Every structure is written in structure tokens, then in C-alpha cells.
Amino acid sequence: MNIGKRIANLRKKQKMTQEQLAEKLFVTDKTVSSWESNRTEPNLEMLISLSKILDCDVSYLIYGDNVKSDVETEIKIKLSEKEFKELHLFLKENADFQGKSRQEDTYYEPMYRKFINDQFEKGLSVLEWLRIGVRGNKKILNYKHWYDNKYCDEYEIEIDDAHNLDKIFKVLGIEELVVVDKIRNKFMYLNKYEIALDQVKELGYFVEIEVKEYESTPLEEYDSLLKVAKGLHFPLENLDKVGYPYHLLININKRIN
């Protein structure tokens, strides 16, 4: 999908004509038509104005699907062992197997910026997570900031010197919270969704579905995820909104108390 097609699609979702969009931008309808047919492209100033009017990111207008490398849209659902095994059999027959791996994630929290606060006590979602994940021979530093439990900004970088990073964390007062240890079987479904079957130590069985090919906004993709999950008969009543580290911390608190 090119920039003109993205502008046209977003305009139609806003139920605007080319003339109405042109009026808001103080340009002619011929200019909008030229953009949408890809004869010309809007300059940066116009892209910023378009993003506000069409309710999207500037980066989405420019790069489209490729920009989603810093955005993650996913859902996670708790499964029984029976549901887990049945889903595994279904995916083996109807999806593309991507591999099996053990993943160990260590979660951290800065002393000066509490990720776990009163939301934790009330059983509500945690908005931020900072972790170091082990992926084979690689260690990845990852930060997520969630929006309404539906999608998140995600940034990550490979760590070349984990020992020195640990020293930096200590100097900055970034403390270890909990370690999540899981076995993951990963599948690609419909060439769009990554489905991960997780067996998490101390927590049990989960399925995680993530969008890998974006065709619309993160919120719209989230709604599509729910439809896919419903179509596959996933127990949506067990939708998890807090994440593995939260559950492990709850277990730790129970043992302490």
C-alpha cells in the first residue's frame, strides 16, 4: 500500500470527501486527488496536518506497515492444559511452525519511577515493563509502554556487554523484580498473525497472538485480533491484561505473606 492509498483509506474512514479534506488543509481538491493517485506527495508540513485530521501517526502515512516495528498489538489468553494441547494440534495442521525455544526474561523497575504501584494492588494493568530477554546466544534489552491494554510502544536493542549494563542498572537504582521462564512454540497464522503457545514456569499455559502485518491502525488491528481469537474459539473470558511478571509477583507476595 502506497502513501496515496493510505491517505484515501483514512479519509474514507473519517467519512470525508476529497473536497472536505482539502478545505481543512486549505488546498484544492485537485491537490488531494493528486496525492491519492500518487502523482504527487504532500510535503512534511502537510503530512503533519494530515496526521492530525486523519487521526494517525505521520510515520504511518510515510512508511505504512513498515513503521510498526516500534508498535506491538497483541492479546494474551490463559489456557487450560487441554485447551493448550488442542490448540497446538490445530496450529500444527493449519499454521506455519516457526520454531520452539526457551525464553528467560528478567524484569526490572527503577527506584525513581515505579512501574508497580497502586494499579498492581488493585489488580489493574501495569503500563510499563523493562526487561532483559535471553534469546539463544543473544540478550535483548526491551521496554514497553502499554495503551489501554491493547497495543504498546516497544523499543529494543541487543546487548553486547550484559555485565556492564548490570553495573549501570545498579548505579541508576534499577532493581530486578522477577524472572519469567517459559517454553514457547511459535506459529505464523494467515500470513499475518504470530501465535505463540507459552508454557510458563509456575503459571501454566497461555496463548499470545501478535499482529505482524498491519493494514490499519493499532486499535483497529486489536479488534481484528479479538475476532480471530473468537473464530478459533479461544476462551476470551480468560483474556490476560497484566502479563506474566505481574502474576509471578503476586505469587511471590502470597508466599511472603
Protein backbone atom coordinates (compact mmCIF):
# COMPACT_ATOMS: atom_id res chain seq x y z
CA MET A 1 0.00 0.00 0.00
CA ASN A 2 1.44 3.41 -1.01
CA ILE A 3 1.12 6.79 0.67
CA GLY A 4 -1.74 7.89 -1.61
CA LYS A 5 -3.74 4.76 -0.84
CA ARG A 6 -3.20 5.27 2.89
CA ILE A 7 -4.46 8.85 2.69
CA ALA A 8 -7.51 7.74 0.70
CA ASN A 9 -8.34 4.88 3.07
CA LEU A 10 -8.01 7.04 6.18
CA ARG A 11 -10.06 9.84 4.61
CA LYS A 12 -12.87 7.41 3.82
CA LYS A 13 -12.81 6.05 7.35
CA GLN A 14 -13.32 9.61 8.55
CA LYS A 15 -16.27 9.79 6.09
CA MET A 16 -14.78 12.80 4.33
CA THR A 17 -14.83 13.68 0.65
CA GLN A 18 -11.71 14.93 -1.10
CA GLU A 19 -13.28 18.38 -1.11
CA GLN A 20 -13.85 18.32 2.65
CA LEU A 21 -10.30 17.19 3.36
CA ALA A 22 -8.95 19.84 1.01
CA GLU A 23 -10.92 22.52 2.83
CA LYS A 24 -9.46 21.51 6.19
CA LEU A 25 -5.96 21.64 4.72
CA PHE A 26 -6.52 24.91 2.81
CA VAL A 27 -5.62 23.28 -0.50
CA THR A 28 -7.66 22.40 -3.58
CA ASP A 29 -9.47 19.12 -4.08
CA LYS A 30 -7.22 18.59 -7.13
CA THR A 31 -4.22 18.59 -4.77
CA VAL A 32 -5.80 15.86 -2.61
CA SER A 33 -6.70 13.89 -5.73
CA SER A 34 -3.11 14.18 -6.94
CA TRP A 35 -1.82 12.79 -3.62
CA GLU A 36 -4.26 9.90 -3.59
CA SER A 37 -3.41 8.92 -7.15
CA ASN A 38 0.31 9.20 -6.31
CA ARG A 39 1.03 11.81 -8.97
CA THR A 40 2.47 13.99 -6.21
CA GLU A 41 3.22 13.64 -2.49
CA PRO A 42 2.44 16.02 0.40
CA ASN A 43 5.37 17.82 1.99
CA LEU A 44 6.27 17.35 5.67
CA GLU A 45 4.10 20.25 6.83
CA MET A 46 1.11 18.77 5.01
CA LEU A 47 1.87 15.30 6.37
CA ILE A 48 1.74 16.65 9.92
CA SER A 49 -1.60 18.34 9.20
CA LEU A 50 -2.92 15.18 7.54
CA SER A 51 -1.93 13.05 10.53
CA LYS A 52 -3.94 15.29 12.86
CA ILE A 53 -7.01 15.38 10.64
CA LEU A 54 -6.91 11.67 9.77
CA ASP A 55 -6.04 10.66 13.36
CA CYS A 56 -2.88 8.69 12.61
CA ASP A 57 0.89 8.90 13.02
CA VAL A 58 2.96 10.81 10.49
CA SER A 59 5.24 7.78 10.30
CA TYR A 60 2.28 5.59 9.27
CA LEU A 61 1.48 7.90 6.37
CA ILE A 62 5.09 7.81 5.20
CA TYR A 63 6.12 4.22 5.83
CA GLY A 64 2.88 2.33 6.23
CA ASP A 65 3.22 -1.21 7.56
CA ASN A 66 6.98 -0.97 7.99
CA VAL A 67 6.69 1.61 10.75
CA LYS A 68 5.09 -0.86 13.11
CA SER A 69 8.47 -2.14 14.26
CA ASP A 70 8.12 0.17 17.27
CA VAL A 71 4.49 -0.71 17.93
CA GLU A 72 3.14 -4.01 19.20
CA THR A 73 -0.50 -5.10 19.09
CA GLU A 74 -1.26 -8.36 20.85
CA ILE A 75 -3.54 -10.27 23.18
CA LYS A 76 -2.68 -12.95 25.71
CA ILE A 77 -5.12 -15.60 26.96
CA LYS A 78 -4.86 -18.10 29.80
CA LEU A 79 -5.48 -21.71 28.71
CA SER A 80 -6.14 -25.00 30.41
CA GLU A 81 -3.74 -27.84 29.60
CA LYS A 82 -6.44 -29.45 27.44
CA GLU A 83 -7.06 -26.21 25.51
CA PHE A 84 -3.30 -25.76 25.08
CA LYS A 85 -2.84 -29.26 23.58
CA GLU A 86 -5.88 -28.94 21.30
CA LEU A 87 -4.68 -25.57 20.00
CA HIS A 88 -1.19 -26.96 19.44
CA LEU A 89 -2.61 -29.75 17.27
CA PHE A 90 -4.75 -27.28 15.30
CA LEU A 91 -1.82 -24.96 14.62
CA LYS A 92 0.44 -27.82 13.53
CA GLU A 93 -2.08 -28.57 10.79
CA ASN A 94 -3.24 -25.06 9.89
CA ALA A 95 -0.33 -22.69 10.51
CA ASP A 96 3.34 -22.32 9.65
CA PHE A 97 5.55 -23.54 12.50
CA GLN A 98 8.30 -21.02 13.27
CA GLY A 99 10.20 -22.88 15.96
CA LYS A 100 10.42 -23.83 19.62
CA SER A 101 12.62 -22.08 22.18
CA ARG A 102 13.18 -21.47 25.84
CA GLN A 103 12.94 -17.79 26.76
CA GLU A 104 14.11 -16.28 30.02
CA ASP A 105 13.09 -12.67 30.73
CA THR A 106 14.35 -10.69 33.71
CA TYR A 107 12.15 -7.71 34.57
CA TYR A 108 13.39 -4.52 36.23
CA GLU A 109 11.98 -1.39 37.83
CA PRO A 110 13.65 2.00 38.51
CA MET A 111 13.52 3.15 42.14
CA TYR A 112 12.65 6.66 40.98
CA ARG A 113 9.87 5.58 38.60
CA LYS A 114 7.66 2.83 39.93
CA PHE A 115 6.07 0.60 37.32
CA ILE A 116 4.36 -1.40 40.07
CA ASN A 117 2.14 0.98 42.05
CA ASP A 118 -1.45 1.17 43.29
CA GLN A 119 -2.55 -0.34 39.98
CA PHE A 120 -0.72 -3.51 40.99
CA GLU A 121 -2.59 -3.67 44.30
CA LYS A 122 -5.93 -3.18 42.57
CA GLY A 123 -5.25 -5.87 40.00
CA LEU A 124 -5.19 -3.41 37.12
CA SER A 125 -2.78 -3.41 34.22
CA VAL A 126 0.81 -2.27 34.56
CA LEU A 127 1.57 0.39 31.96
CA GLU A 128 5.31 -0.14 31.63
CA TRP A 129 7.81 -3.00 31.63
CA LEU A 130 11.59 -3.05 31.30
CA ARG A 131 13.27 -6.38 30.71
CA ILE A 132 16.35 -8.22 29.51
CA GLY A 133 15.44 -11.27 27.48
CA VAL A 134 17.66 -14.23 26.63
CA ARG A 135 17.10 -15.46 23.06
CA GLY A 136 19.58 -18.20 22.30
CA ASN A 137 23.03 -16.61 22.45
CA LYS A 138 21.58 -13.09 22.38
CA LYS A 139 20.47 -10.79 25.18
CA ILE A 140 17.88 -8.15 24.30
CA LEU A 141 17.02 -5.04 26.32
CA ASN A 142 13.33 -4.29 25.81
CA TYR A 143 10.99 -1.51 27.00
CA LYS A 144 7.21 -1.47 26.56
CA HIS A 145 4.62 1.19 27.32
CA TRP A 146 1.03 -0.01 27.05
CA TYR A 147 -2.05 1.93 25.95
CA ASP A 148 -5.41 0.71 27.22
CA ASN A 149 -4.15 -2.91 27.34
CA LYS A 150 -4.46 -3.09 23.55
CA TYR A 151 -1.18 -2.04 21.99
CA CYS A 152 2.14 -0.67 23.11
CA ASP A 153 5.22 1.24 22.09
CA GLU A 154 8.07 -1.23 22.05
CA TYR A 155 11.78 -0.49 21.81
CA GLU A 156 14.59 -2.99 21.99
CA ILE A 157 18.29 -3.34 21.37
CA GLU A 158 20.76 -6.19 21.51
CA ILE A 159 23.16 -6.06 24.48
CA ASP A 160 26.84 -6.65 23.77
CA ASP A 161 28.01 -6.37 27.40
CA ALA A 162 25.37 -7.53 29.89
CA HIS A 163 27.87 -7.36 32.78
CA ASN A 164 28.47 -3.63 32.36
CA LEU A 165 24.77 -2.99 31.78
CA ASP A 166 24.10 -4.65 35.14
CA LYS A 167 26.57 -2.22 36.72
CA ILE A 168 24.81 0.72 35.08
CA PHE A 169 21.44 -0.51 36.35
CA LYS A 170 22.81 -0.67 39.91
CA VAL A 171 24.24 2.85 39.72
CA LEU A 172 20.91 4.18 38.42
CA GLY A 173 18.87 2.32 41.03
CA ILE A 174 17.19 -0.02 38.55
CA GLU A 175 16.34 -3.15 40.51
CA GLU A 176 15.43 -6.67 39.43
CA LEU A 177 11.78 -7.57 40.00
CA VAL A 178 11.21 -11.09 38.74
CA VAL A 179 12.31 -13.67 36.17
CA VAL A 180 9.86 -15.19 33.67
CA ASP A 181 10.95 -18.61 32.37
CA LYS A 182 8.91 -20.09 29.52
CA ILE A 183 8.93 -22.61 26.66
CA ARG A 184 7.50 -21.04 23.50
CA ASN A 185 6.18 -22.70 20.34
CA LYS A 186 5.71 -20.09 17.64
CA PHE A 187 3.45 -20.22 14.55
CA MET A 188 2.52 -17.83 11.73
CA TYR A 189 -1.22 -17.85 11.02
CA LEU A 190 -2.87 -16.44 7.87
CA ASN A 191 0.46 -14.77 6.97
CA LYS A 192 -0.46 -12.00 9.37
CA TYR A 193 -0.62 -13.20 12.97
CA GLU A 194 2.15 -14.67 15.09
CA ILE A 195 0.65 -17.15 17.54
CA ALA A 196 2.85 -18.21 20.45
CA LEU A 197 1.98 -21.09 22.74
CA ASP A 198 3.69 -20.47 26.07
CA GLN A 199 4.24 -22.90 28.92
CA VAL A 200 5.31 -20.56 31.73
CA LYS A 201 7.08 -21.89 34.81
CA GLU A 202 4.85 -21.53 37.91
CA LEU A 203 1.99 -20.04 35.85
CA GLY A 204 0.85 -22.67 33.36
CA TYR A 205 -0.39 -22.37 29.78
CA PHE A 206 -1.05 -19.29 27.64
CA VAL A 207 -1.52 -18.30 24.02
CA GLU A 208 -0.29 -14.95 22.71
CA ILE A 209 -1.39 -13.52 19.35
CA GLU A 210 0.51 -10.62 17.81
CA VAL A 211 -0.07 -8.63 14.61
CA LYS A 212 2.89 -8.91 12.23
CA GLU A 213 1.42 -7.31 9.11
CA TYR A 214 -0.50 -4.07 9.68
CA GLU A 215 -3.31 -2.98 7.38
CA SER A 216 -4.88 -0.37 9.65
CA THR A 217 -4.34 1.44 12.97
CA PRO A 218 -3.25 -0.45 16.14
CA LEU A 219 -6.72 -0.12 17.69
CA GLU A 220 -8.40 -1.49 14.58
CA GLU A 221 -5.90 -4.32 14.45
CA TYR A 222 -6.67 -5.08 18.10
CA ASP A 223 -10.35 -5.51 17.23
CA SER A 224 -9.33 -7.81 14.38
CA LEU A 225 -7.23 -9.86 16.82
CA LEU A 226 -10.28 -10.41 19.01
CA LYS A 227 -12.29 -11.60 16.00
CA VAL A 228 -9.55 -14.05 15.02
CA ALA A 229 -9.34 -15.34 18.60
CA LYS A 230 -13.12 -15.72 18.76
CA GLY A 231 -13.14 -17.55 15.43
CA LEU A 232 -10.57 -20.00 16.81
CA HIS A 233 -12.75 -20.49 19.92
CA PHE A 234 -10.19 -19.08 22.34
CA PRO A 235 -11.59 -18.51 25.85
CA LEU A 236 -11.77 -14.70 25.66
CA GLU A 237 -13.13 -14.59 29.21
CA ASN A 238 -9.57 -15.52 30.24
CA LEU A 239 -8.00 -12.57 28.44
CA ASP A 240 -4.90 -11.58 30.40
CA LYS A 241 -4.35 -7.84 30.82
CA VAL A 242 -1.46 -7.73 33.26
CA GLY A 243 1.29 -10.04 31.97
CA TYR A 244 3.48 -12.82 33.27
CA PRO A 245 5.68 -10.74 35.62
CA TYR A 246 2.60 -9.40 37.38
CA HIS A 247 1.28 -12.89 38.12
CA LEU A 248 4.67 -14.06 39.38
CA LEU A 249 4.96 -11.04 41.66
CA ILE A 250 1.51 -11.82 43.07
CA ASN A 251 2.68 -15.38 43.79
CA ILE A 252 5.82 -14.08 45.48
CA ASN A 253 3.78 -11.70 47.66
CA LYS A 254 1.46 -14.52 48.67
CA ARG A 255 4.40 -16.68 49.72
CA ILE A 256 5.91 -13.81 51.74
CA ASN A 257 2.63 -13.02 53.46
